[in-house]
Amino acid sequence: MPLALTLLCLLLLDPALCSYSEDQCSWRGSGLSQESGSVEQISLHCAEGSLEWLYPAGALRLSLFPRLSTRSMSKEKTPRRVTACIKSSSSFRGAQIYLERDGILELLLSEANAALQPTVRCFSWLPREKVALFLQSTLHQDISRRIAAFRYELRGDWNSHFSWPSGNLSMEAAGTCRPCNNTEILMAVCTSDFVIRGNIRTVANDVGLQESIINVSATRIHRQKFALFQPVGKYGKSAGSIRTLLRCGVKPGPGSFLFTGWLHFGEAWLSCAPRYKDFRQVYEDARRAHDNPCEVSLD
């Protein structure tokens, strides 16, 4: 950055004029500090974070180097592939995002699509592959209200039942609607971001997002990452919501289930959800055979 502009940033304390990295997980900067036609190189080193590009001009090239912790019960020290998802902000304007792989650019998120509603796009790569995100500013006479911002998440693929989509796809292509087999149930209980025993209260369908939102009343919280399920009402019974794909056709029904799944941009997504009595049988059979991957406290 030129010395005069650096001094101006310090004097005015105006972040819109300055291009800087907040930490190794997130970046915030401005196109006003870039030379015309330049490409600014950015590297982030986290499993999740964000990017905010004010007044886009020129281009950005973002390289992601995830620090992925292995799942505690996984025998693999390195995932077979890494999947990244980006979620555009509700006010995304001023740029288009391309996936750069082996020197070839593929449109990942257009400005027109992102302007309609927050959009999730995902892509995968092998650990030894080099990929990057290329943000190209779009031409506008007035750039004063243009901010290209998104959040990102990365996850290693350890053969979970719920797999994020690969390629230029949305969340509609993620996951699978088939029931989990016994091995997948046991691994989901040991490795998921949340494991909740509970009952389905209601199911709300969002046709626009092609998602179903399962409202769950929890009877026992075995594990949860962050406070997904919190006490509500005068009796303090915990409740929360879990998302799945609309095409899976989830409907409310009686009985107790064991809900497992992953966090995705702060929302709970369903992986395996066997009836609790079926899970108990599967778990006890595996324990007798000394084949259960982790210990679970049963009622």
C-alpha atoms as a PDB file:
ATOM      1  CA  MET A   1       0.000   0.000   0.000  1.00  0.00           C
ATOM      2  CA  PRO A   2       1.455   3.458  -0.890  1.00  0.00           C
ATOM      3  CA  LEU A   3       2.792   5.395   2.107  1.00  0.00           C
ATOM      4  CA  ALA A   4       0.426   8.336   1.556  1.00  0.00           C
ATOM      5  CA  LEU A   5      -2.621   6.059   1.566  1.00  0.00           C
ATOM      6  CA  THR A   6      -1.343   4.233   4.653  1.00  0.00           C
ATOM      7  CA  LEU A   7      -1.038   7.539   6.512  1.00  0.00           C
ATOM      8  CA  LEU A   8      -4.500   8.535   5.301  1.00  0.00           C
ATOM      9  CA  CYS A   9      -5.962   5.299   6.686  1.00  0.00           C
ATOM     10  CA  LEU A  10      -4.333   5.914  10.053  1.00  0.00           C
ATOM     11  CA  LEU A  11      -5.491   9.515  10.183  1.00  0.00           C
ATOM     12  CA  LEU A  12      -9.049   8.954   9.105  1.00  0.00           C
ATOM     13  CA  LEU A  13      -9.470   5.501  10.618  1.00  0.00           C
ATOM     14  CA  ASP A  14     -11.680   4.664   7.660  1.00  0.00           C
ATOM     15  CA  PRO A  15     -11.632   0.903   6.938  1.00  0.00           C
ATOM     16  CA  ALA A  16     -13.216   1.490   3.538  1.00  0.00           C
ATOM     17  CA  LEU A  17      -9.913   2.960   2.322  1.00  0.00           C
ATOM     18  CA  CYS A  18      -7.739   0.214   3.766  1.00  0.00           C
ATOM     19  CA  SER A  19      -7.149  -3.346   2.613  1.00  0.00           C
ATOM     20  CA  TYR A  20      -6.207  -5.643   5.455  1.00  0.00           C
ATOM     21  CA  SER A  21      -6.583  -9.106   6.950  1.00  0.00           C
ATOM     22  CA  GLU A  22      -8.272  -9.251  10.331  1.00  0.00           C
ATOM     23  CA  ASP A  23      -6.841 -12.673  11.170  1.00  0.00           C
ATOM     24  CA  GLN A  24      -6.029 -15.982   9.517  1.00  0.00           C
ATOM     25  CA  CYS A  25      -9.727 -16.837   9.220  1.00  0.00           C
ATOM     26  CA  SER A  26     -11.333 -13.680   7.837  1.00  0.00           C
ATOM     27  CA  TRP A  27     -10.457 -10.818   5.516  1.00  0.00           C
ATOM     28  CA  ARG A  28     -11.963  -7.381   5.037  1.00  0.00           C
ATOM     29  CA  GLY A  29     -10.686  -4.853   2.542  1.00  0.00           C
ATOM     30  CA  SER A  30     -11.542  -2.285  -0.084  1.00  0.00           C
ATOM     31  CA  GLY A  31     -11.112  -2.016  -3.809  1.00  0.00           C
ATOM     32  CA  LEU A  32     -10.285   1.656  -3.325  1.00  0.00           C
ATOM     33  CA  SER A  33      -6.805   0.651  -2.193  1.00  0.00           C
ATOM     34  CA  GLN A  34      -6.117  -1.492  -5.268  1.00  0.00           C
ATOM     35  CA  GLU A  35      -4.437  -0.370  -8.423  1.00  0.00           C
ATOM     36  CA  SER A  36      -6.574  -0.507 -11.547  1.00  0.00           C
ATOM     37  CA  GLY A  37      -6.585  -3.985 -13.076  1.00  0.00           C
ATOM     38  CA  SER A  38      -4.607  -5.531 -10.229  1.00  0.00           C
ATOM     39  CA  VAL A  39      -5.235  -8.907  -8.576  1.00  0.00           C
ATOM     40  CA  GLU A  40      -4.774  -8.992  -4.812  1.00  0.00           C
ATOM     41  CA  GLN A  41      -3.587 -12.309  -3.377  1.00  0.00           C
ATOM     42  CA  ILE A  42      -5.231 -13.476  -0.132  1.00  0.00           C
ATOM     43  CA  SER A  43      -4.612 -16.618   1.947  1.00  0.00           C
ATOM     44  CA  LEU A  44      -6.803 -17.843   4.799  1.00  0.00           C
ATOM     45  CA  HIS A  45      -5.908 -20.724   7.102  1.00  0.00           C
ATOM     46  CA  CYS A  46      -9.050 -21.798   8.946  1.00  0.00           C
ATOM     47  CA  ALA A  47     -11.925 -24.237   8.677  1.00  0.00           C
ATOM     48  CA  GLU A  48     -14.409 -21.360   8.641  1.00  0.00           C
ATOM     49  CA  GLY A  49     -14.412 -17.610   8.288  1.00  0.00           C
ATOM     50  CA  SER A  50     -15.576 -14.764   6.100  1.00  0.00           C
ATOM     51  CA  LEU A  51     -14.563 -12.288   3.403  1.00  0.00           C
ATOM     52  CA  GLU A  52     -15.910  -8.773   2.931  1.00  0.00           C
ATOM     53  CA  TRP A  53     -14.809  -6.761  -0.113  1.00  0.00           C
ATOM     54  CA  LEU A  54     -16.006  -3.169  -0.040  1.00  0.00           C
ATOM     55  CA  TYR A  55     -16.284  -1.185  -3.282  1.00  0.00           C
ATOM     56  CA  PRO A  56     -15.001  -4.052  -5.458  1.00  0.00           C
ATOM     57  CA  ALA A  57     -12.467  -3.052  -8.093  1.00  0.00           C
ATOM     58  CA  GLY A  58      -9.964  -5.197  -9.923  1.00  0.00           C
ATOM     59  CA  ALA A  59      -9.898  -8.764  -8.626  1.00  0.00           C
ATOM     60  CA  LEU A  60      -9.087 -10.929  -5.614  1.00  0.00           C
ATOM     61  CA  ARG A  61      -7.560 -14.390  -5.592  1.00  0.00           C
ATOM     62  CA  LEU A  62      -8.346 -16.296  -2.411  1.00  0.00           C
ATOM     63  CA  SER A  63      -6.434 -19.443  -1.440  1.00  0.00           C
ATOM     64  CA  LEU A  64      -7.859 -21.605   1.361  1.00  0.00           C
ATOM     65  CA  PHE A  65      -5.554 -23.701   3.501  1.00  0.00           C
ATOM     66  CA  PRO A  66      -7.833 -25.427   6.007  1.00  0.00           C
ATOM     67  CA  ARG A  67      -6.752 -26.552   9.438  1.00  0.00           C
ATOM     68  CA  LEU A  68      -9.040 -29.548   9.737  1.00  0.00           C
ATOM     69  CA  SER A  69      -9.100 -31.584  12.918  1.00  0.00           C
ATOM     70  CA  THR A  70      -9.764 -35.273  12.425  1.00  0.00           C
ATOM     71  CA  ARG A  71     -12.873 -36.738  13.947  1.00  0.00           C
ATOM     72  CA  SER A  72     -11.976 -38.389  17.234  1.00  0.00           C
ATOM     73  CA  MET A  73     -13.135 -41.824  16.180  1.00  0.00           C
ATOM     74  CA  SER A  74     -11.840 -41.765  12.630  1.00  0.00           C
ATOM     75  CA  LYS A  75      -8.909 -44.000  11.797  1.00  0.00           C
ATOM     76  CA  GLU A  76      -7.904 -41.706   8.938  1.00  0.00           C
ATOM     77  CA  LYS A  77      -5.487 -38.899   9.794  1.00  0.00           C
ATOM     78  CA  THR A  78      -6.118 -37.127   6.504  1.00  0.00           C
ATOM     79  CA  PRO A  79      -9.461 -36.814   4.698  1.00  0.00           C
ATOM     80  CA  ARG A  80      -9.673 -38.237   1.191  1.00  0.00           C
ATOM     81  CA  ARG A  81     -10.933 -34.869  -0.017  1.00  0.00           C
ATOM     82  CA  VAL A  82     -11.836 -31.462   1.318  1.00  0.00           C
ATOM     83  CA  THR A  83     -15.158 -29.784   0.597  1.00  0.00           C
ATOM     84  CA  ALA A  84     -15.670 -26.039   0.881  1.00  0.00           C
ATOM     85  CA  CYS A  85     -18.976 -24.182   0.857  1.00  0.00           C
ATOM     86  CA  ILE A  86     -19.499 -20.450   0.535  1.00  0.00           C
ATOM     87  CA  LYS A  87     -22.689 -18.606   1.500  1.00  0.00           C
ATOM     88  CA  SER A  88     -23.219 -15.166   0.016  1.00  0.00           C
ATOM     89  CA  SER A  89     -24.470 -12.289   2.143  1.00  0.00           C
ATOM     90  CA  SER A  90     -27.989 -10.951   1.647  1.00  0.00           C
ATOM     91  CA  SER A  91     -26.523  -7.770   0.136  1.00  0.00           C
ATOM     92  CA  PHE A  92     -23.908  -9.346  -2.144  1.00  0.00           C
ATOM     93  CA  ARG A  93     -23.132  -6.886  -4.952  1.00  0.00           C
ATOM     94  CA  GLY A  94     -20.297  -5.876  -7.226  1.00  0.00           C
ATOM     95  CA  ALA A  95     -18.481  -9.110  -8.068  1.00  0.00           C
ATOM     96  CA  GLN A  96     -18.716 -12.622  -9.439  1.00  0.00           C
ATOM     97  CA  ILE A  97     -16.936 -15.616  -7.916  1.00  0.00           C
ATOM     98  CA  TYR A  98     -15.085 -18.197  -9.982  1.00  0.00           C
ATOM     99  CA  LEU A  99     -13.491 -21.478  -8.971  1.00  0.00           C
ATOM    100  CA  GLU A 100      -9.918 -21.683 -10.226  1.00  0.00           C
ATOM    101  CA  ARG A 101      -8.681 -25.261 -10.685  1.00  0.00           C
ATOM    102  CA  ASP A 102      -5.600 -26.159 -12.713  1.00  0.00           C
ATOM    103  CA  GLY A 103      -5.601 -22.728 -14.308  1.00  0.00           C
ATOM    104  CA  ILE A 104      -9.201 -23.020 -15.528  1.00  0.00           C
ATOM    105  CA  LEU A 105     -11.937 -20.695 -14.250  1.00  0.00           C
ATOM    106  CA  GLU A 106     -15.487 -21.930 -13.671  1.00  0.00           C
ATOM    107  CA  LEU A 107     -18.283 -19.591 -12.610  1.00  0.00           C
ATOM    108  CA  LEU A 108     -19.281 -20.502  -9.064  1.00  0.00           C
ATOM    109  CA  LEU A 109     -21.558 -17.621  -8.069  1.00  0.00           C
ATOM    110  CA  SER A 110     -22.883 -14.876 -10.318  1.00  0.00           C
ATOM    111  CA  GLU A 111     -23.807 -11.448  -9.050  1.00  0.00           C
ATOM    112  CA  ALA A 112     -27.339 -11.868 -10.438  1.00  0.00           C
ATOM    113  CA  ASN A 113     -28.006 -15.096  -8.537  1.00  0.00           C
ATOM    114  CA  ALA A 114     -26.500 -13.828  -5.287  1.00  0.00           C
ATOM    115  CA  ALA A 115     -28.617 -10.675  -5.466  1.00  0.00           C
ATOM    116  CA  LEU A 116     -31.852 -12.699  -5.352  1.00  0.00           C
ATOM    117  CA  GLN A 117     -31.186 -14.378  -1.987  1.00  0.00           C
ATOM    118  CA  PRO A 118     -28.266 -15.719   0.067  1.00  0.00           C
ATOM    119  CA  THR A 119     -26.865 -18.595  -1.968  1.00  0.00           C
ATOM    120  CA  VAL A 120     -24.694 -21.570  -0.990  1.00  0.00           C
ATOM    121  CA  ARG A 121     -22.203 -23.039  -3.460  1.00  0.00           C
ATOM    122  CA  CYS A 122     -19.798 -25.891  -2.743  1.00  0.00           C
ATOM    123  CA  PHE A 123     -16.741 -27.469  -4.346  1.00  0.00           C
ATOM    124  CA  SER A 124     -14.282 -30.223  -3.454  1.00  0.00           C
ATOM    125  CA  TRP A 125     -10.639 -31.000  -4.023  1.00  0.00           C
ATOM    126  CA  LEU A 126      -8.080 -33.633  -3.136  1.00  0.00           C
ATOM    127  CA  PRO A 127      -5.578 -32.736  -0.380  1.00  0.00           C
ATOM    128  CA  ARG A 128      -2.718 -32.341  -2.877  1.00  0.00           C
ATOM    129  CA  GLU A 129      -4.711 -30.312  -5.389  1.00  0.00           C
ATOM    130  CA  LYS A 130      -4.409 -26.546  -5.550  1.00  0.00           C
ATOM    131  CA  VAL A 131      -7.611 -24.585  -5.951  1.00  0.00           C
ATOM    132  CA  ALA A 132      -8.534 -20.969  -5.351  1.00  0.00           C
ATOM    133  CA  LEU A 133     -11.483 -18.604  -5.503  1.00  0.00           C
ATOM    134  CA  PHE A 134     -11.201 -15.780  -8.019  1.00  0.00           C
ATOM    135  CA  LEU A 135     -13.416 -12.744  -7.339  1.00  0.00           C
ATOM    136  CA  GLN A 136     -13.793 -10.491 -10.374  1.00  0.00           C
ATOM    137  CA  SER A 137     -15.401  -7.085  -9.872  1.00  0.00           C
ATOM    138  CA  THR A 138     -18.283  -6.182 -12.171  1.00  0.00           C
ATOM    139  CA  LEU A 139     -18.649  -2.832 -13.893  1.00  0.00           C
ATOM    140  CA  HIS A 140     -20.986  -0.339 -12.246  1.00  0.00           C
ATOM    141  CA  GLN A 141     -21.149   3.416 -12.574  1.00  0.00           C
ATOM    142  CA  ASP A 142     -21.936   3.739  -8.872  1.00  0.00           C
ATOM    143  CA  ILE A 143     -19.865   1.468  -6.612  1.00  0.00           C
ATOM    144  CA  SER A 144     -20.770   3.233  -3.360  1.00  0.00           C
ATOM    145  CA  ARG A 145     -23.220   0.536  -2.315  1.00  0.00           C
ATOM    146  CA  ARG A 146     -21.358  -2.478  -3.632  1.00  0.00           C
ATOM    147  CA  ILE A 147     -20.126  -4.996  -1.084  1.00  0.00           C
ATOM    148  CA  ALA A 148     -19.181  -8.546  -2.040  1.00  0.00           C
ATOM    149  CA  ALA A 149     -19.262 -10.596   1.156  1.00  0.00           C
ATOM    150  CA  PHE A 150     -19.586 -14.269   1.986  1.00  0.00           C
ATOM    151  CA  ARG A 151     -18.899 -16.815   4.698  1.00  0.00           C
ATOM    152  CA  TYR A 152     -17.037 -20.045   4.061  1.00  0.00           C
ATOM    153  CA  GLU A 153     -16.805 -23.443   5.725  1.00  0.00           C
ATOM    154  CA  LEU A 154     -14.530 -26.385   5.008  1.00  0.00           C
ATOM    155  CA  ARG A 155     -14.914 -29.992   6.049  1.00  0.00           C
ATOM    156  CA  GLY A 156     -12.908 -33.123   5.488  1.00  0.00           C
ATOM    157  CA  ASP A 157     -14.746 -36.080   4.004  1.00  0.00           C
ATOM    158  CA  TRP A 158     -14.531 -39.060   6.343  1.00  0.00           C
ATOM    159  CA  ASN A 159     -17.223 -41.026   4.517  1.00  0.00           C
ATOM    160  CA  SER A 160     -20.104 -39.617   6.560  1.00  0.00           C
ATOM    161  CA  HIS A 161     -23.687 -40.331   5.567  1.00  0.00           C
ATOM    162  CA  PHE A 162     -24.286 -36.627   5.026  1.00  0.00           C
ATOM    163  CA  SER A 163     -21.768 -35.404   2.443  1.00  0.00           C
ATOM    164  CA  TRP A 164     -21.601 -31.859   1.259  1.00  0.00           C
ATOM    165  CA  PRO A 165     -21.967 -31.543  -2.504  1.00  0.00           C
ATOM    166  CA  SER A 166     -18.981 -31.397  -4.806  1.00  0.00           C
ATOM    167  CA  GLY A 167     -18.782 -29.252  -7.900  1.00  0.00           C
ATOM    168  CA  ASN A 168     -20.706 -26.068  -8.596  1.00  0.00           C
ATOM    169  CA  LEU A 169     -23.783 -27.199  -6.695  1.00  0.00           C
ATOM    170  CA  SER A 170     -26.135 -25.870  -4.046  1.00  0.00           C
ATOM    171  CA  MET A 171     -27.251 -27.518  -0.810  1.00  0.00           C
ATOM    172  CA  GLU A 172     -30.108 -29.149  -2.764  1.00  0.00           C
ATOM    173  CA  ALA A 173     -27.549 -31.633  -4.090  1.00  0.00           C
ATOM    174  CA  ALA A 174     -26.132 -32.484  -0.671  1.00  0.00           C
ATOM    175  CA  GLY A 175     -26.884 -35.486   1.445  1.00  0.00           C
ATOM    176  CA  THR A 176     -29.014 -38.499   0.735  1.00  0.00           C
ATOM    177  CA  CYS A 177     -32.529 -39.485   1.690  1.00  0.00           C
ATOM    178  CA  ARG A 178     -31.969 -43.195   2.188  1.00  0.00           C
ATOM    179  CA  PRO A 179     -32.000 -44.581   5.757  1.00  0.00           C
ATOM    180  CA  CYS A 180     -28.598 -45.014   7.412  1.00  0.00           C
ATOM    181  CA  ASN A 181     -27.287 -48.551   7.768  1.00  0.00           C
ATOM    182  CA  ASN A 182     -26.073 -49.845  11.146  1.00  0.00           C
ATOM    183  CA  THR A 183     -22.438 -48.833  10.575  1.00  0.00           C
ATOM    184  CA  GLU A 184     -23.438 -45.315   9.529  1.00  0.00           C
ATOM    185  CA  ILE A 185     -25.689 -44.959  12.587  1.00  0.00           C
ATOM    186  CA  LEU A 186     -22.890 -45.939  14.985  1.00  0.00           C
ATOM    187  CA  MET A 187     -20.368 -43.620  13.316  1.00  0.00           C
ATOM    188  CA  ALA A 188     -22.872 -40.745  13.189  1.00  0.00           C
ATOM    189  CA  VAL A 189     -23.473 -41.027  16.941  1.00  0.00           C
ATOM    190  CA  CYS A 190     -19.722 -40.917  17.576  1.00  0.00           C
ATOM    191  CA  THR A 191     -18.705 -38.153  15.173  1.00  0.00           C
ATOM    192  CA  SER A 192     -21.656 -35.796  14.588  1.00  0.00           C
ATOM    193  CA  ASP A 193     -21.830 -32.180  15.721  1.00  0.00           C
ATOM    194  CA  PHE A 194     -25.050 -32.962  17.580  1.00  0.00           C
ATOM    195  CA  VAL A 195     -26.665 -36.116  18.975  1.00  0.00           C
ATOM    196  CA  ILE A 196     -30.166 -35.454  20.341  1.00  0.00           C
ATOM    197  CA  ARG A 197     -32.835 -37.827  21.562  1.00  0.00           C
ATOM    198  CA  GLY A 198     -36.276 -36.345  21.042  1.00  0.00           C
ATOM    199  CA  ASN A 199     -39.644 -36.197  19.348  1.00  0.00           C
ATOM    200  CA  ILE A 200     -40.794 -34.465  16.174  1.00  0.00           C
ATOM    201  CA  ARG A 201     -43.188 -31.634  17.012  1.00  0.00           C
ATOM    202  CA  THR A 202     -43.806 -30.182  13.553  1.00  0.00           C
ATOM    203  CA  VAL A 203     -42.286 -30.157  10.069  1.00  0.00           C
ATOM    204  CA  ALA A 204     -42.309 -26.931   8.047  1.00  0.00           C
ATOM    205  CA  ASN A 205     -41.547 -27.052   4.319  1.00  0.00           C
ATOM    206  CA  ASP A 206     -39.805 -24.183   2.534  1.00  0.00           C
ATOM    207  CA  VAL A 207     -40.458 -24.690  -1.174  1.00  0.00           C
ATOM    208  CA  GLY A 208     -38.297 -21.729  -2.150  1.00  0.00           C
ATOM    209  CA  LEU A 209     -35.194 -23.109  -0.429  1.00  0.00           C
ATOM    210  CA  GLN A 210     -36.211 -26.745  -1.087  1.00  0.00           C
ATOM    211  CA  GLU A 211     -35.699 -27.480   2.612  1.00  0.00           C
ATOM    212  CA  SER A 212     -37.741 -29.005   5.418  1.00  0.00           C
ATOM    213  CA  ILE A 213     -37.356 -27.677   8.956  1.00  0.00           C
ATOM    214  CA  ILE A 214     -37.944 -30.311  11.627  1.00  0.00           C
ATOM    215  CA  ASN A 215     -38.926 -28.817  14.986  1.00  0.00           C
ATOM    216  CA  VAL A 216     -37.745 -31.189  17.699  1.00  0.00           C
ATOM    217  CA  SER A 217     -38.524 -31.428  21.397  1.00  0.00           C
ATOM    218  CA  ALA A 218     -35.425 -32.900  23.068  1.00  0.00           C
ATOM    219  CA  THR A 219     -35.679 -35.437  25.886  1.00  0.00           C
ATOM    220  CA  ARG A 220     -31.904 -35.857  26.174  1.00  0.00           C
ATOM    221  CA  ILE A 221     -28.933 -33.994  24.732  1.00  0.00           C
ATOM    222  CA  HIS A 222     -26.081 -36.431  24.299  1.00  0.00           C
ATOM    223  CA  ARG A 223     -23.870 -33.887  22.546  1.00  0.00           C
ATOM    224  CA  GLN A 224     -24.189 -30.584  20.729  1.00  0.00           C
ATOM    225  CA  LYS A 225     -21.725 -28.104  19.289  1.00  0.00           C
ATOM    226  CA  PHE A 226     -22.929 -24.697  20.426  1.00  0.00           C
ATOM    227  CA  ALA A 227     -26.365 -24.229  21.956  1.00  0.00           C
ATOM    228  CA  LEU A 228     -28.524 -25.596  19.161  1.00  0.00           C
ATOM    229  CA  PHE A 229     -31.148 -26.900  21.577  1.00  0.00           C
ATOM    230  CA  GLN A 230     -32.108 -24.598  24.445  1.00  0.00           C
ATOM    231  CA  PRO A 231     -34.725 -24.714  27.220  1.00  0.00           C
ATOM    232  CA  VAL A 232     -38.059 -23.100  26.352  1.00  0.00           C
ATOM    233  CA  GLY A 233     -41.299 -22.630  28.260  1.00  0.00           C
ATOM    234  CA  LYS A 234     -41.976 -22.741  31.977  1.00  0.00           C
ATOM    235  CA  TYR A 235     -40.925 -26.388  32.259  1.00  0.00           C
ATOM    236  CA  GLY A 236     -37.566 -25.709  30.622  1.00  0.00           C
ATOM    237  CA  LYS A 237     -37.768 -28.494  28.063  1.00  0.00           C
ATOM    238  CA  SER A 238     -35.112 -28.113  25.371  1.00  0.00           C
ATOM    239  CA  ALA A 239     -36.183 -27.599  21.776  1.00  0.00           C
ATOM    240  CA  GLY A 240     -34.581 -26.754  18.467  1.00  0.00           C
ATOM    241  CA  SER A 241     -34.825 -27.203  14.711  1.00  0.00           C
ATOM    242  CA  ILE A 242     -32.995 -29.429  12.230  1.00  0.00           C
ATOM    243  CA  ARG A 243     -32.942 -28.976   8.456  1.00  0.00           C
ATOM    244  CA  THR A 244     -33.066 -31.559   5.718  1.00  0.00           C
ATOM    245  CA  LEU A 245     -33.882 -31.629   2.019  1.00  0.00           C
ATOM    246  CA  LEU A 246     -37.497 -31.132   0.993  1.00  0.00           C
ATOM    247  CA  ARG A 247     -37.266 -34.076  -1.411  1.00  0.00           C
ATOM    248  CA  CYS A 248     -36.633 -36.420   1.532  1.00  0.00           C
ATOM    249  CA  GLY A 249     -40.310 -36.043   2.436  1.00  0.00           C
ATOM    250  CA  VAL A 250     -39.951 -35.908   6.225  1.00  0.00           C
ATOM    251  CA  LYS A 251     -43.302 -35.924   8.011  1.00  0.00           C
ATOM    252  CA  PRO A 252     -44.215 -35.595  11.698  1.00  0.00           C
ATOM    253  CA  GLY A 253     -44.878 -38.851  13.475  1.00  0.00           C
ATOM    254  CA  PRO A 254     -45.024 -40.431  16.935  1.00  0.00           C
ATOM    255  CA  GLY A 255     -42.130 -42.034  18.768  1.00  0.00           C
ATOM    256  CA  SER A 256     -38.681 -41.145  20.032  1.00  0.00           C
ATOM    257  CA  PHE A 257     -35.787 -40.644  17.591  1.00  0.00           C
ATOM    258  CA  LEU A 258     -32.045 -40.172  17.883  1.00  0.00           C
ATOM    259  CA  PHE A 259     -31.196 -37.164  15.703  1.00  0.00           C
ATOM    260  CA  THR A 260     -27.611 -36.744  14.494  1.00  0.00           C
ATOM    261  CA  GLY A 261     -26.043 -34.353  12.044  1.00  0.00           C
ATOM    262  CA  TRP A 262     -23.748 -31.439  11.244  1.00  0.00           C
ATOM    263  CA  LEU A 263     -23.588 -27.701  11.628  1.00  0.00           C
ATOM    264  CA  HIS A 264     -23.673 -25.826   8.332  1.00  0.00           C
ATOM    265  CA  PHE A 265     -23.376 -22.023   8.538  1.00  0.00           C
ATOM    266  CA  GLY A 266     -24.792 -22.109  12.051  1.00  0.00           C
ATOM    267  CA  GLU A 267     -27.749 -24.344  11.187  1.00  0.00           C
ATOM    268  CA  ALA A 268     -28.273 -27.982  12.141  1.00  0.00           C
ATOM    269  CA  TRP A 269     -28.516 -30.400   9.188  1.00  0.00           C
ATOM    270  CA  LEU A 270     -29.786 -33.940   9.567  1.00  0.00           C
ATOM    271  CA  SER A 271     -27.567 -36.972   8.995  1.00  0.00           C
ATOM    272  CA  CYS A 272     -29.023 -40.131  10.584  1.00  0.00           C
ATOM    273  CA  ALA A 273     -32.242 -40.266  12.628  1.00  0.00           C
ATOM    274  CA  PRO A 274     -33.115 -43.827  13.669  1.00  0.00           C
ATOM    275  CA  ARG A 275     -35.910 -44.532  16.074  1.00  0.00           C
ATOM    276  CA  TYR A 276     -34.366 -44.674  19.528  1.00  0.00           C
ATOM    277  CA  LYS A 277     -35.426 -48.253  20.170  1.00  0.00           C
ATOM    278  CA  ASP A 278     -33.763 -49.309  16.900  1.00  0.00           C
ATOM    279  CA  PHE A 279     -30.573 -47.454  17.819  1.00  0.00           C
ATOM    280  CA  ARG A 280     -30.458 -49.187  21.210  1.00  0.00           C
ATOM    281  CA  GLN A 281     -30.686 -52.562  19.536  1.00  0.00           C
ATOM    282  CA  VAL A 282     -27.949 -51.704  17.023  1.00  0.00           C
ATOM    283  CA  TYR A 283     -25.700 -50.313  19.753  1.00  0.00           C
ATOM    284  CA  GLU A 284     -26.154 -53.233  22.130  1.00  0.00           C
ATOM    285  CA  ASP A 285     -25.494 -55.757  19.340  1.00  0.00           C
ATOM    286  CA  ALA A 286     -22.277 -53.916  18.446  1.00  0.00           C
ATOM    287  CA  ARG A 287     -21.190 -53.743  22.079  1.00  0.00           C
ATOM    288  CA  ARG A 288     -21.642 -57.475  22.537  1.00  0.00           C
ATOM    289  CA  ALA A 289     -19.569 -58.025  19.403  1.00  0.00           C
ATOM    290  CA  HIS A 290     -16.934 -55.497  20.641  1.00  0.00           C
ATOM    291  CA  ASP A 291     -17.554 -53.575  17.433  1.00  0.00           C
ATOM    292  CA  ASN A 292     -18.912 -50.254  18.700  1.00  0.00           C
ATOM    293  CA  PRO A 293     -16.658 -47.296  17.744  1.00  0.00           C
ATOM    294  CA  CYS A 294     -17.413 -45.298  20.912  1.00  0.00           C
ATOM    295  CA  GLU A 295     -19.268 -45.510  24.203  1.00  0.00           C
ATOM    296  CA  VAL A 296     -22.728 -43.978  24.501  1.00  0.00           C
ATOM    297  CA  SER A 297     -24.692 -43.614  27.729  1.00  0.00           C
ATOM    298  CA  LEU A 298     -28.078 -45.309  27.334  1.00  0.00           C
ATOM    299  CA  ASP A 299     -31.146 -44.681  29.476  1.00  0.00           C
END
